[in-house]
Amino acid sequence: MTWQPQHLPADHPAVHSGNVGVLVVNLGTPEAPTPKAVKKYLAEFLSDRRVVEIPPIAWQPILRGIILNTRPKKSAHAYSQVWTEDGSPLANITKAQAEGLQLRLGSGVKVAWAMRYGKPTIADQLQHLMDAGCDRILLAPLYPQYSGATTATVVDKAADKLKAMRWQTSLRTLPPYHDDPAYITALASDIGRQIDTLDFDPEVLLLSFHGMPQRTLELGDPYHCHCRKTARLLEEAMGPQRQGLRFETSFQSRFGPAKWLEPATDDTLERLAGEGVKRVAIAAPGFSADCLETLEELAIQGKEQFEEAGGEHLAALACLNTSDAGMDMLEHIIRRELSGWT
């Protein structure tokens, strides 16, 4: 709405206020599957002090001198394997989730989307919502499990923007929803639906979460506990209807020499094949949208690893994305967090 007090001069600029906004945020993506674009993306991502907790004086020479001169080419090849005609899968799905939420929430709420690393930026999208009169905004990091390297860094970036604003919007943050009944129900429904469409009966459902250094757990980050609780609740929800299906949990995307959360997804796939398991379905419940880690690391690399170790069938299941179950869940938890504002 536009608010124009009668006592202000006639030439005073119109003041837009009174609207409610939602900003959904996911991790990020390079702008193109090229070494140059990936290098720019990785430079921002790996310079975040919450992502890499090594002091900059020690880390930046390694990052600038070694990693950014070697990793972009390899990563660009990986991105090229999942890139679509419309661009980045993660960006496209996040945009579609925002558009779907806009339709569901109606004109009383303005929905935008952003990437923590890359574009559109959190700062730009907060400003866009503020310019549209949103003086109350729900910041919605689409990370079911909380981590300092994911949820917290989104909040940090939003706070950086607020520090530069004379008129700050009121901000709420979507809490982690790792054990929310709506989330567990959505996962159980959508994973079950996908399993029923497979042309084989999986012996194991492997739940693969993004890895974090072991040190983060020891320093008090709840991420590992959140992942384990999601896995336990999902098995409780699905198990009674999936007699004979074995549930296992693992962590993917190890990077560098430090010890990471275990068991590792690649090691687990090799172990399962070595045990004589021939048929595996793998789901990634920590990802709200398919991305490089699910489409390339699991669906391509994981399948190759499993088959080379003696497995026969591996199906990487889609994330919730814009499925009916996923959108119902997002609408439910976001409406709840908007309570009192709408």
C-alpha atoms as a PDB file:
ATOM      1  CA  MET A   1       0.000   0.000   0.000  1.00  0.00           C
ATOM      2  CA  THR A   2       1.033   3.624  -0.314  1.00  0.00           C
ATOM      3  CA  TRP A   3       0.864   5.771   2.793  1.00  0.00           C
ATOM      4  CA  GLN A   4       0.820   9.565   2.387  1.00  0.00           C
ATOM      5  CA  PRO A   5       0.209  11.504   5.628  1.00  0.00           C
ATOM      6  CA  GLN A   6      -1.711  14.698   5.056  1.00  0.00           C
ATOM      7  CA  HIS A   7       0.716  16.873   7.019  1.00  0.00           C
ATOM      8  CA  LEU A   8       3.705  16.095   4.753  1.00  0.00           C
ATOM      9  CA  PRO A   9       4.648  18.456   1.909  1.00  0.00           C
ATOM     10  CA  ALA A  10       2.938  17.701  -1.383  1.00  0.00           C
ATOM     11  CA  ASP A  11       6.255  16.850  -3.007  1.00  0.00           C
ATOM     12  CA  HIS A  12       7.210  14.310  -0.317  1.00  0.00           C
ATOM     13  CA  PRO A  13       7.946  10.907  -1.904  1.00  0.00           C
ATOM     14  CA  ALA A  14       5.247   8.295  -1.407  1.00  0.00           C
ATOM     15  CA  VAL A  15       5.905   5.855   1.409  1.00  0.00           C
ATOM     16  CA  HIS A  16       5.183   2.207   0.653  1.00  0.00           C
ATOM     17  CA  SER A  17       4.476   0.040   3.687  1.00  0.00           C
ATOM     18  CA  GLY A  18       2.082  -2.426   5.257  1.00  0.00           C
ATOM     19  CA  ASN A  19       2.835  -5.466   3.095  1.00  0.00           C
ATOM     20  CA  VAL A  20       4.158  -8.874   4.135  1.00  0.00           C
ATOM     21  CA  GLY A  21       6.921 -10.641   2.241  1.00  0.00           C
ATOM     22  CA  VAL A  22       8.523 -14.079   2.140  1.00  0.00           C
ATOM     23  CA  LEU A  23      12.076 -14.615   0.909  1.00  0.00           C
ATOM     24  CA  VAL A  24      12.939 -18.257   0.248  1.00  0.00           C
ATOM     25  CA  VAL A  25      16.680 -18.896   0.096  1.00  0.00           C
ATOM     26  CA  ASN A  26      18.804 -21.815  -1.041  1.00  0.00           C
ATOM     27  CA  LEU A  27      22.550 -22.357  -1.130  1.00  0.00           C
ATOM     28  CA  GLY A  28      23.573 -21.042  -4.510  1.00  0.00           C
ATOM     29  CA  THR A  29      24.862 -21.835  -7.950  1.00  0.00           C
ATOM     30  CA  PRO A  30      27.288 -20.513 -10.533  1.00  0.00           C
ATOM     31  CA  GLU A  31      25.748 -18.538 -13.363  1.00  0.00           C
ATOM     32  CA  ALA A  32      27.045 -20.968 -15.983  1.00  0.00           C
ATOM     33  CA  PRO A  33      28.757 -24.387 -16.102  1.00  0.00           C
ATOM     34  CA  THR A  34      32.094 -22.844 -17.034  1.00  0.00           C
ATOM     35  CA  PRO A  35      35.401 -22.724 -15.139  1.00  0.00           C
ATOM     36  CA  LYS A  36      35.249 -18.912 -14.969  1.00  0.00           C
ATOM     37  CA  ALA A  37      31.722 -18.843 -13.515  1.00  0.00           C
ATOM     38  CA  VAL A  38      32.447 -21.710 -11.136  1.00  0.00           C
ATOM     39  CA  LYS A  39      35.635 -19.999  -9.934  1.00  0.00           C
ATOM     40  CA  LYS A  40      33.672 -16.852  -9.096  1.00  0.00           C
ATOM     41  CA  TYR A  41      31.053 -18.899  -7.251  1.00  0.00           C
ATOM     42  CA  LEU A  42      33.581 -20.969  -5.309  1.00  0.00           C
ATOM     43  CA  ALA A  43      35.538 -17.865  -4.345  1.00  0.00           C
ATOM     44  CA  GLU A  44      32.452 -16.465  -2.631  1.00  0.00           C
ATOM     45  CA  PHE A  45      31.328 -19.775  -1.143  1.00  0.00           C
ATOM     46  CA  LEU A  46      34.688 -20.916   0.199  1.00  0.00           C
ATOM     47  CA  SER A  47      35.527 -17.466   1.586  1.00  0.00           C
ATOM     48  CA  ASP A  48      32.573 -17.623   3.977  1.00  0.00           C
ATOM     49  CA  ARG A  49      33.994 -17.939   7.496  1.00  0.00           C
ATOM     50  CA  ARG A  50      31.094 -20.173   8.498  1.00  0.00           C
ATOM     51  CA  VAL A  51      31.765 -22.597   5.636  1.00  0.00           C
ATOM     52  CA  VAL A  52      35.524 -22.808   6.135  1.00  0.00           C
ATOM     53  CA  GLU A  53      36.485 -22.038   9.711  1.00  0.00           C
ATOM     54  CA  ILE A  54      40.240 -21.934   9.104  1.00  0.00           C
ATOM     55  CA  PRO A  55      41.658 -18.451   9.853  1.00  0.00           C
ATOM     56  CA  PRO A  56      41.791 -16.441   6.595  1.00  0.00           C
ATOM     57  CA  ILE A  57      45.511 -15.774   6.955  1.00  0.00           C
ATOM     58  CA  ALA A  58      46.078 -19.520   6.569  1.00  0.00           C
ATOM     59  CA  TRP A  59      43.136 -20.391   4.316  1.00  0.00           C
ATOM     60  CA  GLN A  60      43.131 -17.662   1.671  1.00  0.00           C
ATOM     61  CA  PRO A  61      46.575 -18.518   0.225  1.00  0.00           C
ATOM     62  CA  ILE A  62      45.428 -22.131  -0.149  1.00  0.00           C
ATOM     63  CA  LEU A  63      42.119 -21.066  -1.660  1.00  0.00           C
ATOM     64  CA  ARG A  64      43.565 -18.492  -4.062  1.00  0.00           C
ATOM     65  CA  GLY A  65      46.786 -20.276  -4.846  1.00  0.00           C
ATOM     66  CA  ILE A  66      45.634 -23.882  -5.221  1.00  0.00           C
ATOM     67  CA  ILE A  67      41.893 -24.594  -5.012  1.00  0.00           C
ATOM     68  CA  LEU A  68      40.633 -21.826  -7.300  1.00  0.00           C
ATOM     69  CA  ASN A  69      43.239 -22.798  -9.885  1.00  0.00           C
ATOM     70  CA  THR A  70      42.381 -26.501  -9.922  1.00  0.00           C
ATOM     71  CA  ARG A  71      38.835 -27.177  -8.735  1.00  0.00           C
ATOM     72  CA  PRO A  72      36.772 -24.934 -11.084  1.00  0.00           C
ATOM     73  CA  LYS A  73      37.547 -26.987 -14.203  1.00  0.00           C
ATOM     74  CA  LYS A  74      36.529 -30.247 -12.524  1.00  0.00           C
ATOM     75  CA  SER A  75      33.424 -28.712 -10.961  1.00  0.00           C
ATOM     76  CA  ALA A  76      32.428 -27.058 -14.241  1.00  0.00           C
ATOM     77  CA  HIS A  77      32.430 -30.480 -15.905  1.00  0.00           C
ATOM     78  CA  ALA A  78      30.171 -31.802 -13.153  1.00  0.00           C
ATOM     79  CA  TYR A  79      27.788 -28.847 -13.518  1.00  0.00           C
ATOM     80  CA  SER A  80      27.681 -29.348 -17.291  1.00  0.00           C
ATOM     81  CA  GLN A  81      26.296 -32.838 -16.729  1.00  0.00           C
ATOM     82  CA  VAL A  82      23.220 -31.539 -14.901  1.00  0.00           C
ATOM     83  CA  TRP A  83      22.738 -28.102 -16.519  1.00  0.00           C
ATOM     84  CA  THR A  84      19.488 -27.654 -18.416  1.00  0.00           C
ATOM     85  CA  GLU A  85      18.346 -25.436 -21.268  1.00  0.00           C
ATOM     86  CA  ASP A  86      16.884 -23.139 -18.619  1.00  0.00           C
ATOM     87  CA  GLY A  87      20.114 -23.052 -16.631  1.00  0.00           C
ATOM     88  CA  SER A  88      20.884 -24.175 -13.094  1.00  0.00           C
ATOM     89  CA  PRO A  89      18.533 -26.877 -11.746  1.00  0.00           C
ATOM     90  CA  LEU A  90      18.796 -25.495  -8.210  1.00  0.00           C
ATOM     91  CA  ALA A  91      17.959 -21.947  -9.275  1.00  0.00           C
ATOM     92  CA  ASN A  92      15.098 -23.073 -11.507  1.00  0.00           C
ATOM     93  CA  ILE A  93      13.539 -25.265  -8.826  1.00  0.00           C
ATOM     94  CA  THR A  94      13.893 -22.613  -6.117  1.00  0.00           C
ATOM     95  CA  LYS A  95      12.279 -20.066  -8.424  1.00  0.00           C
ATOM     96  CA  ALA A  96       9.434 -22.500  -9.159  1.00  0.00           C
ATOM     97  CA  GLN A  97       8.945 -23.127  -5.432  1.00  0.00           C
ATOM     98  CA  ALA A  98       8.661 -19.373  -4.852  1.00  0.00           C
ATOM     99  CA  GLU A  99       6.205 -18.989  -7.717  1.00  0.00           C
ATOM    100  CA  GLY A 100       4.164 -21.903  -6.405  1.00  0.00           C
ATOM    101  CA  LEU A 101       4.081 -20.372  -2.940  1.00  0.00           C
ATOM    102  CA  GLN A 102       2.973 -17.049  -4.414  1.00  0.00           C
ATOM    103  CA  LEU A 103      -0.035 -18.752  -6.008  1.00  0.00           C
ATOM    104  CA  ARG A 104      -0.882 -20.591  -2.799  1.00  0.00           C
ATOM    105  CA  LEU A 105      -0.443 -17.641  -0.422  1.00  0.00           C
ATOM    106  CA  GLY A 106      -2.270 -15.174  -2.636  1.00  0.00           C
ATOM    107  CA  SER A 107      -1.902 -11.464  -3.175  1.00  0.00           C
ATOM    108  CA  GLY A 108      -1.720 -10.692   0.541  1.00  0.00           C
ATOM    109  CA  VAL A 109       1.885 -11.926   0.623  1.00  0.00           C
ATOM    110  CA  LYS A 110       4.725 -11.119  -1.763  1.00  0.00           C
ATOM    111  CA  VAL A 111       7.135 -14.021  -2.357  1.00  0.00           C
ATOM    112  CA  ALA A 112      10.675 -13.694  -3.696  1.00  0.00           C
ATOM    113  CA  TRP A 113      13.657 -16.045  -3.881  1.00  0.00           C
ATOM    114  CA  ALA A 114      17.411 -15.682  -3.506  1.00  0.00           C
ATOM    115  CA  MET A 115      20.664 -17.618  -3.458  1.00  0.00           C
ATOM    116  CA  ARG A 116      23.083 -17.319  -0.553  1.00  0.00           C
ATOM    117  CA  TYR A 117      25.984 -17.494  -3.003  1.00  0.00           C
ATOM    118  CA  GLY A 118      25.461 -16.176  -6.512  1.00  0.00           C
ATOM    119  CA  LYS A 119      22.376 -14.436  -7.857  1.00  0.00           C
ATOM    120  CA  PRO A 120      19.783 -13.214  -7.112  1.00  0.00           C
ATOM    121  CA  THR A 121      21.373 -12.029  -3.892  1.00  0.00           C
ATOM    122  CA  ILE A 122      19.719 -11.877  -0.507  1.00  0.00           C
ATOM    123  CA  ALA A 123      20.444  -8.146  -0.228  1.00  0.00           C
ATOM    124  CA  ASP A 124      18.888  -7.340  -3.595  1.00  0.00           C
ATOM    125  CA  GLN A 125      15.780  -9.400  -2.921  1.00  0.00           C
ATOM    126  CA  LEU A 126      15.257  -7.948   0.543  1.00  0.00           C
ATOM    127  CA  GLN A 127      15.458  -4.502  -1.023  1.00  0.00           C
ATOM    128  CA  HIS A 128      13.032  -5.582  -3.755  1.00  0.00           C
ATOM    129  CA  LEU A 129      10.502  -6.680  -1.129  1.00  0.00           C
ATOM    130  CA  MET A 130      11.044  -3.531   0.918  1.00  0.00           C
ATOM    131  CA  ASP A 131      10.519  -1.374  -2.183  1.00  0.00           C
ATOM    132  CA  ALA A 132       7.245  -3.249  -2.698  1.00  0.00           C
ATOM    133  CA  GLY A 133       6.079  -2.096   0.721  1.00  0.00           C
ATOM    134  CA  CYS A 134       7.014  -5.194   2.722  1.00  0.00           C
ATOM    135  CA  ASP A 135       7.967  -3.930   6.158  1.00  0.00           C
ATOM    136  CA  ARG A 136       7.506  -7.457   7.567  1.00  0.00           C
ATOM    137  CA  ILE A 137       9.468 -10.245   5.891  1.00  0.00           C
ATOM    138  CA  LEU A 138       9.808 -13.942   6.670  1.00  0.00           C
ATOM    139  CA  LEU A 139      13.317 -15.107   5.781  1.00  0.00           C
ATOM    140  CA  ALA A 140      12.965 -18.758   4.823  1.00  0.00           C
ATOM    141  CA  PRO A 141      16.239 -20.686   4.435  1.00  0.00           C
ATOM    142  CA  LEU A 142      15.173 -23.973   2.828  1.00  0.00           C
ATOM    143  CA  TYR A 143      17.459 -26.091   5.000  1.00  0.00           C
ATOM    144  CA  PRO A 144      15.442 -28.613   7.027  1.00  0.00           C
ATOM    145  CA  GLN A 145      18.396 -29.352   9.320  1.00  0.00           C
ATOM    146  CA  TYR A 146      20.119 -26.394  10.982  1.00  0.00           C
ATOM    147  CA  SER A 147      23.826 -25.784  10.533  1.00  0.00           C
ATOM    148  CA  GLY A 148      25.995 -22.774  11.104  1.00  0.00           C
ATOM    149  CA  ALA A 149      27.309 -23.252   7.562  1.00  0.00           C
ATOM    150  CA  THR A 150      23.837 -23.060   6.013  1.00  0.00           C
ATOM    151  CA  THR A 151      20.991 -21.484   7.987  1.00  0.00           C
ATOM    152  CA  ALA A 152      23.207 -19.188  10.055  1.00  0.00           C
ATOM    153  CA  THR A 153      25.080 -17.776   7.094  1.00  0.00           C
ATOM    154  CA  VAL A 154      21.773 -16.848   5.422  1.00  0.00           C
ATOM    155  CA  VAL A 155      20.816 -14.927   8.550  1.00  0.00           C
ATOM    156  CA  ASP A 156      24.273 -13.309   8.604  1.00  0.00           C
ATOM    157  CA  LYS A 157      23.846 -12.071   5.039  1.00  0.00           C
ATOM    158  CA  ALA A 158      20.380 -10.694   5.751  1.00  0.00           C
ATOM    159  CA  ALA A 159      21.769  -8.914   8.806  1.00  0.00           C
ATOM    160  CA  ASP A 160      24.505  -7.346   6.669  1.00  0.00           C
ATOM    161  CA  LYS A 161      21.772  -5.856   4.511  1.00  0.00           C
ATOM    162  CA  LEU A 162      19.764  -4.643   7.505  1.00  0.00           C
ATOM    163  CA  LYS A 163      22.855  -2.885   8.857  1.00  0.00           C
ATOM    164  CA  ALA A 164      22.968  -0.776   5.695  1.00  0.00           C
ATOM    165  CA  MET A 165      19.257   0.162   5.755  1.00  0.00           C
ATOM    166  CA  ARG A 166      17.953   3.321   7.370  1.00  0.00           C
ATOM    167  CA  TRP A 167      14.416   1.909   7.504  1.00  0.00           C
ATOM    168  CA  GLN A 168      14.759  -1.722   8.419  1.00  0.00           C
ATOM    169  CA  THR A 169      12.100  -4.275   7.708  1.00  0.00           C
ATOM    170  CA  SER A 170      10.907  -6.446  10.590  1.00  0.00           C
ATOM    171  CA  LEU A 171      12.403  -9.878  10.042  1.00  0.00           C
ATOM    172  CA  ARG A 172      11.387 -13.361  11.103  1.00  0.00           C
ATOM    173  CA  THR A 173      13.400 -16.499  10.291  1.00  0.00           C
ATOM    174  CA  LEU A 174      11.895 -19.859   9.382  1.00  0.00           C
ATOM    175  CA  PRO A 175      13.123 -22.336  12.025  1.00  0.00           C
ATOM    176  CA  PRO A 176      14.719 -25.639  11.025  1.00  0.00           C
ATOM    177  CA  TYR A 177      11.998 -28.185  10.312  1.00  0.00           C
ATOM    178  CA  HIS A 178      13.923 -31.453  10.498  1.00  0.00           C
ATOM    179  CA  ASP A 179      11.389 -33.065  12.831  1.00  0.00           C
ATOM    180  CA  ASP A 180       8.251 -31.203  11.779  1.00  0.00           C
ATOM    181  CA  PRO A 181       5.420 -33.703  11.233  1.00  0.00           C
ATOM    182  CA  ALA A 182       4.493 -31.916   7.981  1.00  0.00           C
ATOM    183  CA  TYR A 183       8.030 -32.404   6.667  1.00  0.00           C
ATOM    184  CA  ILE A 184       8.291 -36.046   7.714  1.00  0.00           C
ATOM    185  CA  THR A 185       4.860 -36.768   6.220  1.00  0.00           C
ATOM    186  CA  ALA A 186       5.834 -35.078   2.950  1.00  0.00           C
ATOM    187  CA  LEU A 187       9.084 -37.059   2.740  1.00  0.00           C
ATOM    188  CA  ALA A 188       7.404 -40.365   3.518  1.00  0.00           C
ATOM    189  CA  SER A 189       4.672 -39.744   0.964  1.00  0.00           C
ATOM    190  CA  ASP A 190       6.922 -38.568  -1.854  1.00  0.00           C
ATOM    191  CA  ILE A 191       9.702 -41.103  -1.317  1.00  0.00           C
ATOM    192  CA  GLY A 192       7.122 -43.888  -1.100  1.00  0.00           C
ATOM    193  CA  ARG A 193       5.480 -42.667  -4.307  1.00  0.00           C
ATOM    194  CA  GLN A 194       8.796 -42.721  -6.132  1.00  0.00           C
ATOM    195  CA  ILE A 195       9.760 -46.166  -4.847  1.00  0.00           C
ATOM    196  CA  ASP A 196       6.445 -47.514  -6.127  1.00  0.00           C
ATOM    197  CA  THR A 197       7.319 -46.340  -9.644  1.00  0.00           C
ATOM    198  CA  LEU A 198      10.682 -48.151  -9.781  1.00  0.00           C
ATOM    199  CA  ASP A 199      11.091 -51.225 -11.949  1.00  0.00           C
ATOM    200  CA  PHE A 200      12.847 -53.020  -9.077  1.00  0.00           C
ATOM    201  CA  ASP A 201      12.260 -53.497  -5.358  1.00  0.00           C
ATOM    202  CA  PRO A 202      15.079 -51.850  -3.389  1.00  0.00           C
ATOM    203  CA  GLU A 203      16.615 -53.810  -0.545  1.00  0.00           C
ATOM    204  CA  VAL A 204      18.017 -50.665   1.075  1.00  0.00           C
ATOM    205  CA  LEU A 205      16.833 -47.061   1.233  1.00  0.00           C
ATOM    206  CA  LEU A 206      19.961 -44.991   1.808  1.00  0.00           C
ATOM    207  CA  LEU A 207      19.307 -41.541   3.273  1.00  0.00           C
ATOM    208  CA  SER A 208      22.237 -39.363   2.227  1.00  0.00           C
ATOM    209  CA  PHE A 209      22.725 -35.997   3.925  1.00  0.00           C
ATOM    210  CA  HIS A 210      25.320 -33.388   3.025  1.00  0.00           C
ATOM    211  CA  GLY A 211      28.435 -33.870   5.091  1.00  0.00           C
ATOM    212  CA  MET A 212      30.060 -31.499   7.544  1.00  0.00           C
ATOM    213  CA  PRO A 213      33.447 -31.673   9.255  1.00  0.00           C
ATOM    214  CA  GLN A 214      33.369 -33.735  12.446  1.00  0.00           C
ATOM    215  CA  ARG A 215      34.705 -30.671  14.235  1.00  0.00           C
ATOM    216  CA  THR A 216      31.399 -28.841  13.752  1.00  0.00           C
ATOM    217  CA  LEU A 217      29.625 -31.491  15.824  1.00  0.00           C
ATOM    218  CA  GLU A 218      32.251 -31.302  18.542  1.00  0.00           C
ATOM    219  CA  LEU A 219      31.875 -27.503  18.671  1.00  0.00           C
ATOM    220  CA  GLY A 220      28.118 -27.771  19.256  1.00  0.00           C
ATOM    221  CA  ASP A 221      26.526 -27.565  15.816  1.00  0.00           C
ATOM    222  CA  PRO A 222      23.202 -29.521  15.975  1.00  0.00           C
ATOM    223  CA  TYR A 223      23.305 -30.545  12.300  1.00  0.00           C
ATOM    224  CA  HIS A 224      24.350 -34.155  12.847  1.00  0.00           C
ATOM    225  CA  CYS A 225      21.646 -34.663  15.478  1.00  0.00           C
ATOM    226  CA  HIS A 226      19.026 -33.057  13.226  1.00  0.00           C
ATOM    227  CA  CYS A 227      19.960 -35.376  10.338  1.00  0.00           C
ATOM    228  CA  ARG A 228      19.843 -38.452  12.544  1.00  0.00           C
ATOM    229  CA  LYS A 229      16.457 -37.451  13.944  1.00  0.00           C
ATOM    230  CA  THR A 230      15.034 -36.879  10.452  1.00  0.00           C
ATOM    231  CA  ALA A 231      16.270 -40.333   9.427  1.00  0.00           C
ATOM    232  CA  ARG A 232      14.804 -41.976  12.516  1.00  0.00           C
ATOM    233  CA  LEU A 233      11.413 -40.304  12.147  1.00  0.00           C
ATOM    234  CA  LEU A 234      11.294 -41.110   8.442  1.00  0.00           C
ATOM    235  CA  GLU A 235      12.013 -44.775   9.093  1.00  0.00           C
ATOM    236  CA  GLU A 236       9.289 -44.808  11.759  1.00  0.00           C
ATOM    237  CA  ALA A 237       6.849 -43.254   9.296  1.00  0.00           C
ATOM    238  CA  MET A 238       7.692 -45.509   6.344  1.00  0.00           C
ATOM    239  CA  GLY A 239       8.858 -48.715   7.980  1.00  0.00           C
ATOM    240  CA  PRO A 240       5.489 -50.299   8.823  1.00  0.00           C
ATOM    241  CA  GLN A 241       4.397 -50.102   5.164  1.00  0.00           C
ATOM    242  CA  ARG A 242       7.808 -51.161   3.806  1.00  0.00           C
ATOM    243  CA  GLN A 243       8.448 -54.502   5.419  1.00  0.00           C
ATOM    244  CA  GLY A 244      11.837 -55.836   4.433  1.00  0.00           C
ATOM    245  CA  LEU A 245      13.208 -52.451   3.342  1.00  0.00           C
ATOM    246  CA  ARG A 246      16.391 -51.613   5.243  1.00  0.00           C
ATOM    247  CA  PHE A 247      17.080 -47.979   6.119  1.00  0.00           C
ATOM    248  CA  GLU A 248      20.621 -46.601   6.348  1.00  0.00           C
ATOM    249  CA  THR A 249      22.005 -43.089   6.815  1.00  0.00           C
ATOM    250  CA  SER A 250      25.188 -41.583   5.374  1.00  0.00           C
ATOM    251  CA  PHE A 251      26.899 -38.253   4.662  1.00  0.00           C
ATOM    252  CA  GLN A 252      28.185 -37.123   1.277  1.00  0.00           C
ATOM    253  CA  SER A 253      30.450 -34.467  -0.284  1.00  0.00           C
ATOM    254  CA  ARG A 254      33.631 -34.837   1.755  1.00  0.00           C
ATOM    255  CA  PHE A 255      36.196 -32.155   0.980  1.00  0.00           C
ATOM    256  CA  GLY A 256      39.779 -31.785   2.136  1.00  0.00           C
ATOM    257  CA  PRO A 257      41.836 -33.821   4.625  1.00  0.00           C
ATOM    258  CA  ALA A 258      39.810 -33.134   7.785  1.00  0.00           C
ATOM    259  CA  LYS A 259      37.672 -35.848   9.375  1.00  0.00           C
ATOM    260  CA  TRP A 260      34.027 -35.557   8.283  1.00  0.00           C
ATOM    261  CA  LEU A 261      30.781 -36.965   9.616  1.00  0.00           C
ATOM    262  CA  GLU A 262      30.497 -40.685   9.001  1.00  0.00           C
ATOM    263  CA  PRO A 263      29.629 -43.020   7.471  1.00  0.00           C
ATOM    264  CA  ALA A 264      30.450 -41.521   4.067  1.00  0.00           C
ATOM    265  CA  THR A 265      27.962 -42.123   1.273  1.00  0.00           C
ATOM    266  CA  ASP A 266      30.548 -43.434  -1.203  1.00  0.00           C
ATOM    267  CA  ASP A 267      32.000 -45.830   1.387  1.00  0.00           C
ATOM    268  CA  THR A 268      28.503 -46.988   2.313  1.00  0.00           C
ATOM    269  CA  LEU A 269      27.589 -47.775  -1.298  1.00  0.00           C
ATOM    270  CA  GLU A 270      30.758 -49.846  -1.691  1.00  0.00           C
ATOM    271  CA  ARG A 271      30.082 -51.636   1.599  1.00  0.00           C
ATOM    272  CA  LEU A 272      26.495 -52.453   0.638  1.00  0.00           C
ATOM    273  CA  ALA A 273      27.626 -53.918  -2.675  1.00  0.00           C
ATOM    274  CA  GLY A 274      30.308 -55.896  -0.872  1.00  0.00           C
ATOM    275  CA  GLU A 275      27.646 -57.328   1.446  1.00  0.00           C
ATOM    276  CA  GLY A 276      25.750 -58.628  -1.577  1.00  0.00           C
ATOM    277  CA  VAL A 277      23.099 -55.899  -1.741  1.00  0.00           C
ATOM    278  CA  LYS A 278      22.056 -55.557  -5.382  1.00  0.00           C
ATOM    279  CA  ARG A 279      19.252 -52.998  -5.308  1.00  0.00           C
ATOM    280  CA  VAL A 280      19.400 -49.591  -3.616  1.00  0.00           C
ATOM    281  CA  ALA A 281      17.248 -46.468  -3.635  1.00  0.00           C
ATOM    282  CA  ILE A 282      18.966 -43.345  -2.401  1.00  0.00           C
ATOM    283  CA  ALA A 283      17.186 -40.237  -1.139  1.00  0.00           C
ATOM    284  CA  ALA A 284      18.596 -36.893  -0.012  1.00  0.00           C
ATOM    285  CA  PRO A 285      16.162 -35.546   2.599  1.00  0.00           C
ATOM    286  CA  GLY A 286      18.448 -32.694   3.617  1.00  0.00           C
ATOM    287  CA  PHE A 287      18.093 -31.028   0.208  1.00  0.00           C
ATOM    288  CA  SER A 288      14.884 -29.130  -0.533  1.00  0.00           C
ATOM    289  CA  ALA A 289      15.679 -29.018  -4.257  1.00  0.00           C
ATOM    290  CA  ASP A 290      17.738 -31.122  -6.623  1.00  0.00           C
ATOM    291  CA  CYS A 291      21.191 -29.728  -7.313  1.00  0.00           C
ATOM    292  CA  LEU A 292      24.716 -30.775  -8.230  1.00  0.00           C
ATOM    293  CA  GLU A 293      25.039 -32.910  -5.110  1.00  0.00           C
ATOM    294  CA  THR A 294      21.943 -34.970  -5.909  1.00  0.00           C
ATOM    295  CA  LEU A 295      21.887 -34.976  -9.705  1.00  0.00           C
ATOM    296  CA  GLU A 296      25.601 -35.562 -10.297  1.00  0.00           C
ATOM    297  CA  GLU A 297      27.159 -36.811  -7.077  1.00  0.00           C
ATOM    298  CA  LEU A 298      24.408 -39.297  -6.230  1.00  0.00           C
ATOM    299  CA  ALA A 299      22.599 -40.086  -9.492  1.00  0.00           C
ATOM    300  CA  ILE A 300      25.732 -40.306 -11.647  1.00  0.00           C
ATOM    301  CA  GLN A 301      28.776 -40.870  -9.435  1.00  0.00           C
ATOM    302  CA  GLY A 302      26.904 -42.879  -6.821  1.00  0.00           C
ATOM    303  CA  LYS A 303      25.370 -45.165  -9.415  1.00  0.00           C
ATOM    304  CA  GLU A 304      28.772 -45.790 -11.006  1.00  0.00           C
ATOM    305  CA  GLN A 305      30.395 -46.509  -7.643  1.00  0.00           C
ATOM    306  CA  PHE A 306      27.683 -48.950  -6.625  1.00  0.00           C
ATOM    307  CA  GLU A 307      27.699 -50.837  -9.912  1.00  0.00           C
ATOM    308  CA  GLU A 308      31.501 -51.006 -10.079  1.00  0.00           C
ATOM    309  CA  ALA A 309      31.477 -52.514  -6.583  1.00  0.00           C
ATOM    310  CA  GLY A 310      29.039 -55.236  -7.646  1.00  0.00           C
ATOM    311  CA  GLY A 311      25.609 -53.669  -7.225  1.00  0.00           C
ATOM    312  CA  GLU A 312      23.048 -53.965  -9.990  1.00  0.00           C
ATOM    313  CA  HIS A 313      20.377 -51.277  -9.544  1.00  0.00           C
ATOM    314  CA  LEU A 314      20.618 -47.859  -7.929  1.00  0.00           C
ATOM    315  CA  ALA A 315      17.877 -45.242  -8.211  1.00  0.00           C
ATOM    316  CA  ALA A 316      18.539 -41.710  -6.969  1.00  0.00           C
ATOM    317  CA  LEU A 317      15.151 -40.347  -5.935  1.00  0.00           C
ATOM    318  CA  ALA A 318      14.169 -36.742  -6.565  1.00  0.00           C
ATOM    319  CA  CYS A 319      14.050 -34.206  -3.745  1.00  0.00           C
ATOM    320  CA  LEU A 320      10.691 -32.759  -2.704  1.00  0.00           C
ATOM    321  CA  ASN A 321      11.177 -29.946  -5.250  1.00  0.00           C
ATOM    322  CA  THR A 322       7.751 -28.727  -6.436  1.00  0.00           C
ATOM    323  CA  SER A 323       5.956 -32.020  -5.852  1.00  0.00           C
ATOM    324  CA  ASP A 324       2.469 -31.765  -4.381  1.00  0.00           C
ATOM    325  CA  ALA A 325       3.745 -33.169  -1.080  1.00  0.00           C
ATOM    326  CA  GLY A 326       6.648 -30.742  -1.007  1.00  0.00           C
ATOM    327  CA  MET A 327       4.589 -27.662  -1.826  1.00  0.00           C
ATOM    328  CA  ASP A 328       1.881 -28.630   0.663  1.00  0.00           C
ATOM    329  CA  MET A 329       4.565 -28.855   3.326  1.00  0.00           C
ATOM    330  CA  LEU A 330       6.162 -25.517   2.427  1.00  0.00           C
ATOM    331  CA  GLU A 331       2.806 -23.769   2.405  1.00  0.00           C
ATOM    332  CA  HIS A 332       1.938 -25.265   5.786  1.00  0.00           C
ATOM    333  CA  ILE A 333       5.121 -24.270   7.607  1.00  0.00           C
ATOM    334  CA  ILE A 334       5.319 -20.824   6.024  1.00  0.00           C
ATOM    335  CA  ARG A 335       1.672 -20.007   6.805  1.00  0.00           C
ATOM    336  CA  ARG A 336       2.372 -21.037  10.378  1.00  0.00           C
ATOM    337  CA  GLU A 337       5.389 -18.726  10.657  1.00  0.00           C
ATOM    338  CA  LEU A 338       3.393 -15.853   9.137  1.00  0.00           C
ATOM    339  CA  SER A 339       0.787 -16.188  11.872  1.00  0.00           C
ATOM    340  CA  GLY A 340      -0.174 -12.786  13.227  1.00  0.00           C
ATOM    341  CA  TRP A 341       1.106 -11.025  10.145  1.00  0.00           C
ATOM    342  CA  THR A 342      -1.530 -12.320   7.721  1.00  0.00           C
END
